[in-house]
Amino acid sequence: MLLPKKVKHRKWQKGRSRTRAVETRGLDLSYGQFGLKSLESAWVNSRQIEAARKTITNFLKREGRLWIRIFPDKPITMQAPEKTLGGGKGSVDHYVFPVKPGRVLFEIDGVAGEKAKEALKHASYKLPVKTRIVSK
């Protein structure tokens, strides 16, 4: 699973999830011929990224090249279950990447178009956002 080696601040504030906000970075394909682009905003955690990566590599039988364009670096804290209120902020439970519409999540190169699109379609089922397959 993906998680940062070191972070500047151990616990972050949640921030605001603006549903209408559109991504300004990571909009175009930079490395591969085919990519998976998000159409919604959500938090994608490291388990979901790993599940999608495994699905793609398994479907492609380790041929071609895969780039993961997102990295979960936002810490999410959780209080212990059945704990009373007033104990402060909980400890870091997992890390997420806040995805906005328009962000390219994965890129593939070095395989046939139909096979790449099928692999990305299978990977999209593992993610909590609606996606679209894009190509150069």
C-alpha atoms as a PDB file:
ATOM      1  CA  MET A   1       0.000   0.000   0.000  1.00  0.00           C
ATOM      2  CA  LEU A   2       1.038   3.561  -0.649  1.00  0.00           C
ATOM      3  CA  LEU A   3       1.792   5.855   2.268  1.00  0.00           C
ATOM      4  CA  PRO A   4       4.221   8.725   2.724  1.00  0.00           C
ATOM      5  CA  LYS A   5       7.555   8.147   4.448  1.00  0.00           C
ATOM      6  CA  LYS A   6       7.455  11.530   6.120  1.00  0.00           C
ATOM      7  CA  VAL A   7       4.892  14.336   6.364  1.00  0.00           C
ATOM      8  CA  LYS A   8       5.373  17.912   7.480  1.00  0.00           C
ATOM      9  CA  HIS A   9       2.342  17.803   9.786  1.00  0.00           C
ATOM     10  CA  ARG A  10       1.137  14.531  11.258  1.00  0.00           C
ATOM     11  CA  LYS A  11      -2.554  15.490  11.474  1.00  0.00           C
ATOM     12  CA  TRP A  12      -4.335  17.677   8.910  1.00  0.00           C
ATOM     13  CA  GLN A  13      -7.668  19.439   8.972  1.00  0.00           C
ATOM     14  CA  LYS A  14     -10.396  17.980   6.780  1.00  0.00           C
ATOM     15  CA  GLY A  15     -10.792  20.876   4.354  1.00  0.00           C
ATOM     16  CA  ARG A  16     -13.908  21.544   2.321  1.00  0.00           C
ATOM     17  CA  SER A  17     -15.088  19.188  -0.400  1.00  0.00           C
ATOM     18  CA  ARG A  18     -16.347  21.516  -3.091  1.00  0.00           C
ATOM     19  CA  THR A  19     -18.438  19.357  -5.380  1.00  0.00           C
ATOM     20  CA  ARG A  20     -18.324  21.907  -8.217  1.00  0.00           C
ATOM     21  CA  ALA A  21     -14.567  22.449  -8.001  1.00  0.00           C
ATOM     22  CA  VAL A  22     -12.649  21.263 -11.073  1.00  0.00           C
ATOM     23  CA  GLU A  23      -9.026  20.095 -11.081  1.00  0.00           C
ATOM     24  CA  THR A  24      -6.395  22.419 -12.530  1.00  0.00           C
ATOM     25  CA  ARG A  25      -3.417  20.021 -12.500  1.00  0.00           C
ATOM     26  CA  GLY A  26      -2.943  16.536 -13.938  1.00  0.00           C
ATOM     27  CA  LEU A  27      -5.562  16.975 -16.669  1.00  0.00           C
ATOM     28  CA  ASP A  28      -3.679  15.600 -19.671  1.00  0.00           C
ATOM     29  CA  LEU A  29      -1.912  12.352 -20.469  1.00  0.00           C
ATOM     30  CA  SER A  30       1.811  12.841 -19.830  1.00  0.00           C
ATOM     31  CA  TYR A  31       3.318   9.356 -20.074  1.00  0.00           C
ATOM     32  CA  GLY A  32       1.034   6.792 -21.714  1.00  0.00           C
ATOM     33  CA  GLN A  33      -1.353   6.448 -24.646  1.00  0.00           C
ATOM     34  CA  PHE A  34      -4.441   5.608 -22.560  1.00  0.00           C
ATOM     35  CA  GLY A  35      -5.597   6.947 -19.207  1.00  0.00           C
ATOM     36  CA  LEU A  36      -8.346   6.843 -16.605  1.00  0.00           C
ATOM     37  CA  LYS A  37      -9.803  10.296 -15.863  1.00  0.00           C
ATOM     38  CA  SER A  38     -12.120  11.078 -12.952  1.00  0.00           C
ATOM     39  CA  LEU A  39     -15.531  12.704 -13.471  1.00  0.00           C
ATOM     40  CA  GLU A  40     -16.406  13.187  -9.787  1.00  0.00           C
ATOM     41  CA  SER A  41     -14.749  14.323  -6.590  1.00  0.00           C
ATOM     42  CA  ALA A  42     -13.994  11.900  -3.743  1.00  0.00           C
ATOM     43  CA  TRP A  43     -11.272  10.714  -1.412  1.00  0.00           C
ATOM     44  CA  VAL A  44      -9.395   7.770  -2.929  1.00  0.00           C
ATOM     45  CA  ASN A  45      -7.513   5.803  -0.273  1.00  0.00           C
ATOM     46  CA  SER A  46      -4.360   3.751  -0.692  1.00  0.00           C
ATOM     47  CA  ARG A  47      -6.248   0.434  -0.625  1.00  0.00           C
ATOM     48  CA  GLN A  48      -8.410   1.461  -3.567  1.00  0.00           C
ATOM     49  CA  ILE A  49      -5.376   2.626  -5.564  1.00  0.00           C
ATOM     50  CA  GLU A  50      -3.605  -0.665  -4.846  1.00  0.00           C
ATOM     51  CA  ALA A  51      -6.684  -2.714  -5.827  1.00  0.00           C
ATOM     52  CA  ALA A  52      -6.944  -0.846  -9.149  1.00  0.00           C
ATOM     53  CA  ARG A  53      -3.203  -1.264  -9.794  1.00  0.00           C
ATOM     54  CA  LYS A  54      -3.376  -5.012  -9.134  1.00  0.00           C
ATOM     55  CA  THR A  55      -6.372  -5.339 -11.444  1.00  0.00           C
ATOM     56  CA  ILE A  56      -4.579  -3.563 -14.297  1.00  0.00           C
ATOM     57  CA  THR A  57      -1.310  -5.485 -13.945  1.00  0.00           C
ATOM     58  CA  ASN A  58      -3.156  -8.802 -13.633  1.00  0.00           C
ATOM     59  CA  PHE A  59      -5.262  -8.126 -16.737  1.00  0.00           C
ATOM     60  CA  LEU A  60      -2.282  -6.989 -18.810  1.00  0.00           C
ATOM     61  CA  LYS A  61      -0.210 -10.027 -17.735  1.00  0.00           C
ATOM     62  CA  ARG A  62       2.701  -7.695 -16.857  1.00  0.00           C
ATOM     63  CA  GLU A  63       3.136  -6.400 -20.418  1.00  0.00           C
ATOM     64  CA  GLY A  64       3.194  -2.700 -21.197  1.00  0.00           C
ATOM     65  CA  ARG A  65       3.826   0.074 -18.713  1.00  0.00           C
ATOM     66  CA  LEU A  66       1.599   1.525 -15.988  1.00  0.00           C
ATOM     67  CA  TRP A  67       1.855   4.935 -14.302  1.00  0.00           C
ATOM     68  CA  ILE A  68      -0.037   5.846 -11.135  1.00  0.00           C
ATOM     69  CA  ARG A  69      -0.597   9.600 -11.271  1.00  0.00           C
ATOM     70  CA  ILE A  70      -1.973  10.039  -7.737  1.00  0.00           C
ATOM     71  CA  PHE A  71      -0.382   9.484  -4.341  1.00  0.00           C
ATOM     72  CA  PRO A  72      -2.273   9.388  -1.014  1.00  0.00           C
ATOM     73  CA  ASP A  73      -0.611  11.932   1.270  1.00  0.00           C
ATOM     74  CA  LYS A  74      -3.565  13.381   3.222  1.00  0.00           C
ATOM     75  CA  PRO A  75      -3.767  11.760   6.685  1.00  0.00           C
ATOM     76  CA  ILE A  76      -7.216  10.777   7.960  1.00  0.00           C
ATOM     77  CA  THR A  77      -7.621  10.367  11.713  1.00  0.00           C
ATOM     78  CA  MET A  78     -10.048   8.088  13.517  1.00  0.00           C
ATOM     79  CA  GLN A  79     -11.103   7.868  17.136  1.00  0.00           C
ATOM     80  CA  ALA A  80     -11.334   4.440  18.744  1.00  0.00           C
ATOM     81  CA  PRO A  81     -14.856   2.955  18.624  1.00  0.00           C
ATOM     82  CA  GLU A  82     -17.033   3.373  21.725  1.00  0.00           C
ATOM     83  CA  LYS A  83     -14.755   6.108  23.060  1.00  0.00           C
ATOM     84  CA  THR A  84     -16.283   9.023  24.964  1.00  0.00           C
ATOM     85  CA  LEU A  85     -16.140  12.550  23.605  1.00  0.00           C
ATOM     86  CA  GLY A  86     -13.474  15.038  24.649  1.00  0.00           C
ATOM     87  CA  GLY A  87     -10.339  12.999  24.123  1.00  0.00           C
ATOM     88  CA  GLY A  88      -8.942  15.218  21.389  1.00  0.00           C
ATOM     89  CA  LYS A  89      -8.195  14.343  17.807  1.00  0.00           C
ATOM     90  CA  GLY A  90      -7.679  10.654  17.048  1.00  0.00           C
ATOM     91  CA  SER A  91      -4.562   9.016  15.668  1.00  0.00           C
ATOM     92  CA  VAL A  92      -3.818   8.709  11.949  1.00  0.00           C
ATOM     93  CA  ASP A  93      -5.740   5.743  10.518  1.00  0.00           C
ATOM     94  CA  HIS A  94      -5.036   5.879   6.777  1.00  0.00           C
ATOM     95  CA  TYR A  95      -4.057   8.201   3.933  1.00  0.00           C
ATOM     96  CA  VAL A  96      -6.175   9.458   1.025  1.00  0.00           C
ATOM     97  CA  PHE A  97      -5.831  11.508  -2.146  1.00  0.00           C
ATOM     98  CA  PRO A  98      -8.629  14.058  -2.688  1.00  0.00           C
ATOM     99  CA  VAL A  99      -9.631  13.605  -6.348  1.00  0.00           C
ATOM    100  CA  LYS A 100     -11.472  16.349  -8.228  1.00  0.00           C
ATOM    101  CA  PRO A 101     -13.147  16.037 -11.635  1.00  0.00           C
ATOM    102  CA  GLY A 102     -10.680  16.030 -14.522  1.00  0.00           C
ATOM    103  CA  ARG A 103      -7.705  14.395 -12.782  1.00  0.00           C
ATOM    104  CA  VAL A 104      -5.907  11.590 -14.640  1.00  0.00           C
ATOM    105  CA  LEU A 105      -5.527   8.692 -12.186  1.00  0.00           C
ATOM    106  CA  PHE A 106      -3.735   5.973 -14.197  1.00  0.00           C
ATOM    107  CA  GLU A 107      -1.921   5.808 -17.532  1.00  0.00           C
ATOM    108  CA  ILE A 108      -1.021   2.797 -19.694  1.00  0.00           C
ATOM    109  CA  ASP A 109       1.328   2.454 -22.655  1.00  0.00           C
ATOM    110  CA  GLY A 110       2.849  -0.386 -24.673  1.00  0.00           C
ATOM    111  CA  VAL A 111      -0.268  -2.519 -25.174  1.00  0.00           C
ATOM    112  CA  ALA A 112      -3.033  -2.719 -27.789  1.00  0.00           C
ATOM    113  CA  GLY A 113      -5.853  -0.206 -27.489  1.00  0.00           C
ATOM    114  CA  GLU A 114      -8.662  -2.685 -26.811  1.00  0.00           C
ATOM    115  CA  LYS A 115      -6.667  -4.473 -24.119  1.00  0.00           C
ATOM    116  CA  ALA A 116      -5.703  -1.191 -22.414  1.00  0.00           C
ATOM    117  CA  LYS A 117      -9.307   0.050 -22.423  1.00  0.00           C
ATOM    118  CA  GLU A 118     -10.563  -3.237 -20.981  1.00  0.00           C
ATOM    119  CA  ALA A 119      -7.935  -3.134 -18.205  1.00  0.00           C
ATOM    120  CA  LEU A 120      -8.849   0.450 -17.299  1.00  0.00           C
ATOM    121  CA  LYS A 121     -12.551  -0.455 -17.313  1.00  0.00           C
ATOM    122  CA  HIS A 122     -11.880  -3.251 -14.811  1.00  0.00           C
ATOM    123  CA  ALA A 123      -9.816  -0.860 -12.647  1.00  0.00           C
ATOM    124  CA  SER A 124     -12.602   1.738 -12.631  1.00  0.00           C
ATOM    125  CA  TYR A 125     -14.847  -0.698 -10.736  1.00  0.00           C
ATOM    126  CA  LYS A 126     -12.402  -0.587  -7.815  1.00  0.00           C
ATOM    127  CA  LEU A 127     -12.518   3.212  -7.455  1.00  0.00           C
ATOM    128  CA  PRO A 128     -15.140   5.342  -5.642  1.00  0.00           C
ATOM    129  CA  VAL A 129     -15.422   7.870  -8.511  1.00  0.00           C
ATOM    130  CA  LYS A 130     -17.028   7.758 -11.935  1.00  0.00           C
ATOM    131  CA  THR A 131     -14.313   7.686 -14.569  1.00  0.00           C
ATOM    132  CA  ARG A 132     -13.782   7.997 -18.300  1.00  0.00           C
ATOM    133  CA  ILE A 133     -11.133   6.303 -20.439  1.00  0.00           C
ATOM    134  CA  VAL A 134      -9.125   8.849 -22.448  1.00  0.00           C
ATOM    135  CA  SER A 135      -6.534   8.384 -25.174  1.00  0.00           C
ATOM    136  CA  LYS A 136      -4.042  10.561 -27.032  1.00  0.00           C
END
